[in-house]
Amino acid sequence: MPAITVKNIPERLYQHLKASAHIHHRSINSELIVCLERVLLPTRIPPHELITTARALRGQVKSPILSDEEIDKAKVHGRA
């Protein structure tokens, strides 16, 4: 398997990588590979799965559904 060396990593970025590796119980190398895979090899979710997930989440909402007018009013109020 190919290997690379990453040089001159900013300290702040390295600390974030290290913390993320710790949280996920991975080595820093494994965490870096996961990060690269997420960015370079993103998984496409089929539209029907997104719709199914959205409908399931919507079903879990216990508050009333807002009308377009109520949403617009809240936007205007938030800007005032």
PDB file of N, CA and C in Angstrom:
ATOM      1  N   MET A   1       0.843  -1.168   0.000  1.00  0.00           N
ATOM      2  CA  MET A   1       0.000   0.000   0.000  1.00  0.00           C
ATOM      3  C   MET A   1       0.894   1.239   0.000  1.00  0.00           C
ATOM      4  N   PRO A   2       0.557   2.234  -0.814  1.00  0.00           N
ATOM      5  CA  PRO A   2       1.370   3.450  -0.864  1.00  0.00           C
ATOM      6  C   PRO A   2       1.368   4.189   0.464  1.00  0.00           C
ATOM      7  N   ALA A   3       2.401   4.949   0.694  1.00  0.00           N
ATOM      8  CA  ALA A   3       2.517   5.754   1.912  1.00  0.00           C
ATOM      9  C   ALA A   3       2.899   7.172   1.521  1.00  0.00           C
ATOM     10  N   ILE A   4       2.427   8.134   2.310  1.00  0.00           N
ATOM     11  CA  ILE A   4       2.809   9.528   2.093  1.00  0.00           C
ATOM     12  C   ILE A   4       3.232  10.128   3.430  1.00  0.00           C
ATOM     13  N   THR A   5       3.991  11.178   3.337  1.00  0.00           N
ATOM     14  CA  THR A   5       4.380  11.941   4.516  1.00  0.00           C
ATOM     15  C   THR A   5       3.786  13.328   4.358  1.00  0.00           C
ATOM     16  N   VAL A   6       3.118  13.793   5.385  1.00  0.00           N
ATOM     17  CA  VAL A   6       2.519  15.126   5.341  1.00  0.00           C
ATOM     18  C   VAL A   6       3.392  16.044   6.193  1.00  0.00           C
ATOM     19  N   LYS A   7       3.891  17.097   5.568  1.00  0.00           N
ATOM     20  CA  LYS A   7       4.798  18.011   6.261  1.00  0.00           C
ATOM     21  C   LYS A   7       4.125  19.357   6.490  1.00  0.00           C
ATOM     22  N   ASN A   8       4.646  20.065   7.466  1.00  0.00           N
ATOM     23  CA  ASN A   8       4.240  21.439   7.750  1.00  0.00           C
ATOM     24  C   ASN A   8       2.747  21.586   8.047  1.00  0.00           C
ATOM     25  N   ILE A   9       2.199  20.649   8.810  1.00  0.00           N
ATOM     26  CA  ILE A   9       0.803  20.740   9.214  1.00  0.00           C
ATOM     27  C   ILE A   9       0.689  21.845  10.263  1.00  0.00           C
ATOM     28  N   PRO A  10      -0.208  22.790  10.066  1.00  0.00           N
ATOM     29  CA  PRO A  10      -0.385  23.826  11.077  1.00  0.00           C
ATOM     30  C   PRO A  10      -0.765  23.193  12.427  1.00  0.00           C
ATOM     31  N   GLU A  11      -0.224  23.732  13.488  1.00  0.00           N
ATOM     32  CA  GLU A  11      -0.434  23.166  14.822  1.00  0.00           C
ATOM     33  C   GLU A  11      -1.908  23.023  15.163  1.00  0.00           C
ATOM     34  N   ARG A  12      -2.688  24.042  14.854  1.00  0.00           N
ATOM     35  CA  ARG A  12      -4.127  24.007  15.171  1.00  0.00           C
ATOM     36  C   ARG A  12      -4.816  22.854  14.435  1.00  0.00           C
ATOM     37  N   LEU A  13      -4.491  22.669  13.164  1.00  0.00           N
ATOM     38  CA  LEU A  13      -5.074  21.576  12.385  1.00  0.00           C
ATOM     39  C   LEU A  13      -4.656  20.226  12.959  1.00  0.00           C
ATOM     40  N   TYR A  14      -3.396  20.105  13.329  1.00  0.00           N
ATOM     41  CA  TYR A  14      -2.905  18.852  13.908  1.00  0.00           C
ATOM     42  C   TYR A  14      -3.629  18.537  15.216  1.00  0.00           C
ATOM     43  N   GLN A  15      -3.854  19.555  16.047  1.00  0.00           N
ATOM     44  CA  GLN A  15      -4.545  19.326  17.312  1.00  0.00           C
ATOM     45  C   GLN A  15      -5.988  18.881  17.087  1.00  0.00           C
ATOM     46  N   HIS A  16      -6.636  19.448  16.081  1.00  0.00           N
ATOM     47  CA  HIS A  16      -8.003  19.022  15.746  1.00  0.00           C
ATOM     48  C   HIS A  16      -8.008  17.575  15.256  1.00  0.00           C
ATOM     49  N   LEU A  17      -7.055  17.236  14.420  1.00  0.00           N
ATOM     50  CA  LEU A  17      -6.950  15.869  13.908  1.00  0.00           C
ATOM     51  C   LEU A  17      -6.694  14.889  15.048  1.00  0.00           C
ATOM     52  N   LYS A  18      -5.805  15.266  15.929  1.00  0.00           N
ATOM     53  CA  LYS A  18      -5.462  14.425  17.074  1.00  0.00           C
ATOM     54  C   LYS A  18      -6.673  14.221  17.984  1.00  0.00           C
ATOM     55  N   ALA A  19      -7.415  15.289  18.253  1.00  0.00           N
ATOM     56  CA  ALA A  19      -8.609  15.192  19.100  1.00  0.00           C
ATOM     57  C   ALA A  19      -9.677  14.331  18.440  1.00  0.00           C
ATOM     58  N   SER A  20      -9.864  14.510  17.141  1.00  0.00           N
ATOM     59  CA  SER A  20     -10.851  13.715  16.420  1.00  0.00           C
ATOM     60  C   SER A  20     -10.475  12.234  16.432  1.00  0.00           C
ATOM     61  N   ALA A  21      -9.191  11.947  16.256  1.00  0.00           N
ATOM     62  CA  ALA A  21      -8.716  10.557  16.303  1.00  0.00           C
ATOM     63  C   ALA A  21      -8.995   9.953  17.673  1.00  0.00           C
ATOM     64  N   HIS A  22      -8.758  10.730  18.716  1.00  0.00           N
ATOM     65  CA  HIS A  22      -8.994  10.252  20.077  1.00  0.00           C
ATOM     66  C   HIS A  22     -10.482   9.945  20.293  1.00  0.00           C
ATOM     67  N   ILE A  23     -11.341  10.854  19.870  1.00  0.00           N
ATOM     68  CA  ILE A  23     -12.789  10.676  20.034  1.00  0.00           C
ATOM     69  C   ILE A  23     -13.277   9.425  19.313  1.00  0.00           C
ATOM     70  N   HIS A  24     -12.724   9.165  18.130  1.00  0.00           N
ATOM     71  CA  HIS A  24     -13.162   8.020  17.314  1.00  0.00           C
ATOM     72  C   HIS A  24     -12.351   6.746  17.566  1.00  0.00           C
ATOM     73  N   HIS A  25     -11.458   6.809  18.563  1.00  0.00           N
ATOM     74  CA  HIS A  25     -10.627   5.643  18.916  1.00  0.00           C
ATOM     75  C   HIS A  25      -9.827   5.130  17.717  1.00  0.00           C
ATOM     76  N   ARG A  26      -9.205   6.092  17.013  1.00  0.00           N
ATOM     77  CA  ARG A  26      -8.369   5.746  15.863  1.00  0.00           C
ATOM     78  C   ARG A  26      -6.997   6.365  16.037  1.00  0.00           C
ATOM     79  N   SER A  27      -6.050   5.830  15.289  1.00  0.00           N
ATOM     80  CA  SER A  27      -4.738   6.468  15.237  1.00  0.00           C
ATOM     81  C   SER A  27      -4.875   7.752  14.417  1.00  0.00           C
ATOM     82  N   ILE A  28      -3.903   8.620  14.544  1.00  0.00           N
ATOM     83  CA  ILE A  28      -3.925   9.849  13.752  1.00  0.00           C
ATOM     84  C   ILE A  28      -3.885   9.507  12.265  1.00  0.00           C
ATOM     85  N   ASN A  29      -3.109   8.509  11.895  1.00  0.00           N
ATOM     86  CA  ASN A  29      -3.029   8.088  10.498  1.00  0.00           C
ATOM     87  C   ASN A  29      -4.391   7.612   9.991  1.00  0.00           C
ATOM     88  N   SER A  30      -5.058   6.769  10.781  1.00  0.00           N
ATOM     89  CA  SER A  30      -6.377   6.266  10.374  1.00  0.00           C
ATOM     90  C   SER A  30      -7.391   7.389  10.280  1.00  0.00           C
ATOM     91  N   GLU A  31      -7.324   8.334  11.204  1.00  0.00           N
ATOM     92  CA  GLU A  31      -8.251   9.466  11.182  1.00  0.00           C
ATOM     93  C   GLU A  31      -8.024  10.318   9.941  1.00  0.00           C
ATOM     94  N   LEU A  32      -6.774  10.514   9.585  1.00  0.00           N
ATOM     95  CA  LEU A  32      -6.457  11.277   8.383  1.00  0.00           C
ATOM     96  C   LEU A  32      -6.998  10.583   7.137  1.00  0.00           C
ATOM     97  N   ILE A  33      -6.874   9.269   7.070  1.00  0.00           N
ATOM     98  CA  ILE A  33      -7.400   8.512   5.925  1.00  0.00           C
ATOM     99  C   ILE A  33      -8.915   8.672   5.844  1.00  0.00           C
ATOM    100  N   VAL A  34      -9.604   8.576   6.983  1.00  0.00           N
ATOM    101  CA  VAL A  34     -11.062   8.742   6.999  1.00  0.00           C
ATOM    102  C   VAL A  34     -11.438  10.142   6.503  1.00  0.00           C
ATOM    103  N   CYS A  35     -10.720  11.160   6.970  1.00  0.00           N
ATOM    104  CA  CYS A  35     -10.987  12.531   6.531  1.00  0.00           C
ATOM    105  C   CYS A  35     -10.787  12.680   5.025  1.00  0.00           C
ATOM    106  N   LEU A  36      -9.722  12.122   4.509  1.00  0.00           N
ATOM    107  CA  LEU A  36      -9.454  12.204   3.071  1.00  0.00           C
ATOM    108  C   LEU A  36     -10.524  11.461   2.269  1.00  0.00           C
ATOM    109  N   GLU A  37     -10.943  10.300   2.763  1.00  0.00           N
ATOM    110  CA  GLU A  37     -11.988   9.538   2.066  1.00  0.00           C
ATOM    111  C   GLU A  37     -13.292  10.330   2.009  1.00  0.00           C
ATOM    112  N   ARG A  38     -13.638  10.995   3.102  1.00  0.00           N
ATOM    113  CA  ARG A  38     -14.883  11.770   3.133  1.00  0.00           C
ATOM    114  C   ARG A  38     -14.861  12.911   2.125  1.00  0.00           C
ATOM    115  N   VAL A  39     -13.706  13.512   1.958  1.00  0.00           N
ATOM    116  CA  VAL A  39     -13.597  14.652   1.049  1.00  0.00           C
ATOM    117  C   VAL A  39     -13.420  14.202  -0.401  1.00  0.00           C
ATOM    118  N   LEU A  40     -12.568  13.219  -0.614  1.00  0.00           N
ATOM    119  CA  LEU A  40     -12.211  12.836  -1.979  1.00  0.00           C
ATOM    120  C   LEU A  40     -13.081  11.740  -2.569  1.00  0.00           C
ATOM    121  N   LEU A  41     -13.698  10.929  -1.718  1.00  0.00           N
ATOM    122  CA  LEU A  41     -14.540   9.830  -2.198  1.00  0.00           C
ATOM    123  C   LEU A  41     -15.910   9.879  -1.523  1.00  0.00           C
ATOM    124  N   PRO A  42     -16.627  11.001  -1.671  1.00  0.00           N
ATOM    125  CA  PRO A  42     -17.905  11.110  -0.974  1.00  0.00           C
ATOM    126  C   PRO A  42     -18.909  10.066  -1.474  1.00  0.00           C
ATOM    127  N   THR A  43     -19.720   9.600  -0.546  1.00  0.00           N
ATOM    128  CA  THR A  43     -20.749   8.630  -0.882  1.00  0.00           C
ATOM    129  C   THR A  43     -22.000   9.374  -1.311  1.00  0.00           C
ATOM    130  N   ARG A  44     -22.492   9.047  -2.476  1.00  0.00           N
ATOM    131  CA  ARG A  44     -23.719   9.671  -2.963  1.00  0.00           C
ATOM    132  C   ARG A  44     -24.908   8.895  -2.416  1.00  0.00           C
ATOM    133  N   ILE A  45     -25.830   9.615  -1.844  1.00  0.00           N
ATOM    134  CA  ILE A  45     -27.037   8.996  -1.317  1.00  0.00           C
ATOM    135  C   ILE A  45     -28.126   9.149  -2.369  1.00  0.00           C
ATOM    136  N   PRO A  46     -28.737   8.030  -2.761  1.00  0.00           N
ATOM    137  CA  PRO A  46     -29.803   8.112  -3.770  1.00  0.00           C
ATOM    138  C   PRO A  46     -30.943   9.026  -3.300  1.00  0.00           C
ATOM    139  N   PRO A  47     -31.535   9.795  -4.206  1.00  0.00           N
ATOM    140  CA  PRO A  47     -32.600  10.738  -3.828  1.00  0.00           C
ATOM    141  C   PRO A  47     -33.747  10.087  -3.051  1.00  0.00           C
ATOM    142  N   HIS A  48     -34.133   8.880  -3.431  1.00  0.00           N
ATOM    143  CA  HIS A  48     -35.258   8.253  -2.733  1.00  0.00           C
ATOM    144  C   HIS A  48     -34.917   7.965  -1.265  1.00  0.00           C
ATOM    145  N   GLU A  49     -33.640   7.693  -0.979  1.00  0.00           N
ATOM    146  CA  GLU A  49     -33.241   7.485   0.419  1.00  0.00           C
ATOM    147  C   GLU A  49     -33.288   8.792   1.202  1.00  0.00           C
ATOM    148  N   LEU A  50     -32.877   9.885   0.558  1.00  0.00           N
ATOM    149  CA  LEU A  50     -32.948  11.193   1.212  1.00  0.00           C
ATOM    150  C   LEU A  50     -34.397  11.559   1.529  1.00  0.00           C
ATOM    151  N   ILE A  51     -35.289  11.317   0.583  1.00  0.00           N
ATOM    152  CA  ILE A  51     -36.699  11.628   0.786  1.00  0.00           C
ATOM    153  C   ILE A  51     -37.280  10.781   1.909  1.00  0.00           C
ATOM    154  N   THR A  52     -36.950   9.497   1.927  1.00  0.00           N
ATOM    155  CA  THR A  52     -37.431   8.610   2.981  1.00  0.00           C
ATOM    156  C   THR A  52     -36.938   9.072   4.345  1.00  0.00           C
ATOM    157  N   THR A  53     -35.676   9.448   4.423  1.00  0.00           N
ATOM    158  CA  THR A  53     -35.106   9.931   5.679  1.00  0.00           C
ATOM    159  C   THR A  53     -35.763  11.235   6.109  1.00  0.00           C
ATOM    160  N   ALA A  54     -35.966  12.148   5.160  1.00  0.00           N
ATOM    161  CA  ALA A  54     -36.600  13.432   5.470  1.00  0.00           C
ATOM    162  C   ALA A  54     -38.022  13.221   5.993  1.00  0.00           C
ATOM    163  N   ARG A  55     -38.754  12.322   5.370  1.00  0.00           N
ATOM    164  CA  ARG A  55     -40.129  12.054   5.820  1.00  0.00           C
ATOM    165  C   ARG A  55     -40.143  11.436   7.211  1.00  0.00           C
ATOM    166  N   ALA A  56     -39.191  10.557   7.486  1.00  0.00           N
ATOM    167  CA  ALA A  56     -39.115   9.937   8.808  1.00  0.00           C
ATOM    168  C   ALA A  56     -38.795  10.990   9.866  1.00  0.00           C
ATOM    169  N   LEU A  57     -37.873  11.895   9.554  1.00  0.00           N
ATOM    170  CA  LEU A  57     -37.535  12.965  10.495  1.00  0.00           C
ATOM    171  C   LEU A  57     -38.713  13.909  10.701  1.00  0.00           C
ATOM    172  N   ARG A  58     -39.398  14.218   9.620  1.00  0.00           N
ATOM    173  CA  ARG A  58     -40.562  15.100   9.715  1.00  0.00           C
ATOM    174  C   ARG A  58     -41.622  14.483  10.624  1.00  0.00           C
ATOM    175  N   GLY A  59     -41.769  13.166  10.567  1.00  0.00           N
ATOM    176  CA  GLY A  59     -42.736  12.480  11.412  1.00  0.00           C
ATOM    177  C   GLY A  59     -42.391  12.557  12.888  1.00  0.00           C
ATOM    178  N   GLN A  60     -41.141  12.810  13.211  1.00  0.00           N
ATOM    179  CA  GLN A  60     -40.702  12.898  14.601  1.00  0.00           C
ATOM    180  C   GLN A  60     -40.913  14.285  15.199  1.00  0.00           C
ATOM    181  N   VAL A  61     -41.194  15.268  14.357  1.00  0.00           N
ATOM    182  CA  VAL A  61     -41.385  16.638  14.825  1.00  0.00           C
ATOM    183  C   VAL A  61     -42.732  16.737  15.523  1.00  0.00           C
ATOM    184  N   LYS A  62     -42.709  17.229  16.753  1.00  0.00           N
ATOM    185  CA  LYS A  62     -43.931  17.309  17.537  1.00  0.00           C
ATOM    186  C   LYS A  62     -44.574  18.695  17.495  1.00  0.00           C
ATOM    187  N   SER A  63     -43.858  19.684  17.015  1.00  0.00           N
ATOM    188  CA  SER A  63     -44.424  21.025  16.953  1.00  0.00           C
ATOM    189  C   SER A  63     -45.277  21.160  15.686  1.00  0.00           C
ATOM    190  N   PRO A  64     -46.179  22.135  15.678  1.00  0.00           N
ATOM    191  CA  PRO A  64     -47.035  22.311  14.497  1.00  0.00           C
ATOM    192  C   PRO A  64     -46.208  22.752  13.285  1.00  0.00           C
ATOM    193  N   ILE A  65     -46.677  22.382  12.128  1.00  0.00           N
ATOM    194  CA  ILE A  65     -46.002  22.780  10.890  1.00  0.00           C
ATOM    195  C   ILE A  65     -46.314  24.247  10.625  1.00  0.00           C
ATOM    196  N   LEU A  66     -45.288  25.030  10.345  1.00  0.00           N
ATOM    197  CA  LEU A  66     -45.451  26.459  10.102  1.00  0.00           C
ATOM    198  C   LEU A  66     -45.859  26.709   8.658  1.00  0.00           C
ATOM    199  N   SER A  67     -46.702  27.715   8.482  1.00  0.00           N
ATOM    200  CA  SER A  67     -47.090  28.111   7.130  1.00  0.00           C
ATOM    201  C   SER A  67     -45.990  28.987   6.537  1.00  0.00           C
ATOM    202  N   ASP A  68     -46.065  29.203   5.232  1.00  0.00           N
ATOM    203  CA  ASP A  68     -45.098  30.091   4.582  1.00  0.00           C
ATOM    204  C   ASP A  68     -45.170  31.498   5.168  1.00  0.00           C
ATOM    205  N   GLU A  69     -46.393  31.945   5.465  1.00  0.00           N
ATOM    206  CA  GLU A  69     -46.572  33.287   6.026  1.00  0.00           C
ATOM    207  C   GLU A  69     -45.911  33.396   7.400  1.00  0.00           C
ATOM    208  N   GLU A  70     -46.054  32.365   8.223  1.00  0.00           N
ATOM    209  CA  GLU A  70     -45.440  32.388   9.555  1.00  0.00           C
ATOM    210  C   GLU A  70     -43.914  32.403   9.461  1.00  0.00           C
ATOM    211  N   ILE A  71     -43.370  31.667   8.518  1.00  0.00           N
ATOM    212  CA  ILE A  71     -41.919  31.640   8.320  1.00  0.00           C
ATOM    213  C   ILE A  71     -41.429  33.007   7.852  1.00  0.00           C
ATOM    214  N   ASP A  72     -42.149  33.607   6.883  1.00  0.00           N
ATOM    215  CA  ASP A  72     -41.768  34.934   6.400  1.00  0.00           C
ATOM    216  C   ASP A  72     -41.829  35.964   7.516  1.00  0.00           C
ATOM    217  N   LYS A  73     -42.870  35.886   8.345  1.00  0.00           N
ATOM    218  CA  LYS A  73     -43.013  36.821   9.461  1.00  0.00           C
ATOM    219  C   LYS A  73     -41.841  36.676  10.439  1.00  0.00           C
ATOM    220  N   ALA A  74     -41.442  35.441  10.717  1.00  0.00           N
ATOM    221  CA  ALA A  74     -40.327  35.199  11.629  1.00  0.00           C
ATOM    222  C   ALA A  74     -39.026  35.742  11.045  1.00  0.00           C
ATOM    223  N   LYS A  75     -38.848  35.589   9.735  1.00  0.00           N
ATOM    224  CA  LYS A  75     -37.640  36.125   9.091  1.00  0.00           C
ATOM    225  C   LYS A  75     -37.562  37.637   9.233  1.00  0.00           C
ATOM    226  N   VAL A  76     -38.703  38.294   8.932  1.00  0.00           N
ATOM    227  CA  VAL A  76     -38.737  39.755   9.020  1.00  0.00           C
ATOM    228  C   VAL A  76     -38.514  40.201  10.454  1.00  0.00           C
ATOM    229  N   HIS A  77     -39.137  39.529  11.390  1.00  0.00           N
ATOM    230  CA  HIS A  77     -38.988  39.877  12.809  1.00  0.00           C
ATOM    231  C   HIS A  77     -37.538  39.704  13.252  1.00  0.00           C
ATOM    232  N   GLY A  78     -36.870  38.661  12.773  1.00  0.00           N
ATOM    233  CA  GLY A  78     -35.483  38.398  13.149  1.00  0.00           C
ATOM    234  C   GLY A  78     -34.519  39.428  12.613  1.00  0.00           C
ATOM    235  N   ARG A  79     -34.896  40.085  11.537  1.00  0.00           N
ATOM    236  CA  ARG A  79     -34.023  41.090  10.920  1.00  0.00           C
ATOM    237  C   ARG A  79     -34.217  42.466  11.549  1.00  0.00           C
ATOM    238  N   ALA A  80     -35.287  42.641  12.259  1.00  0.00           N
ATOM    239  CA  ALA A  80     -35.599  43.969  12.823  1.00  0.00           C
ATOM    240  C   ALA A  80     -34.729  44.282  14.012  1.00  0.00           C
TER     241      ALA A  80
END
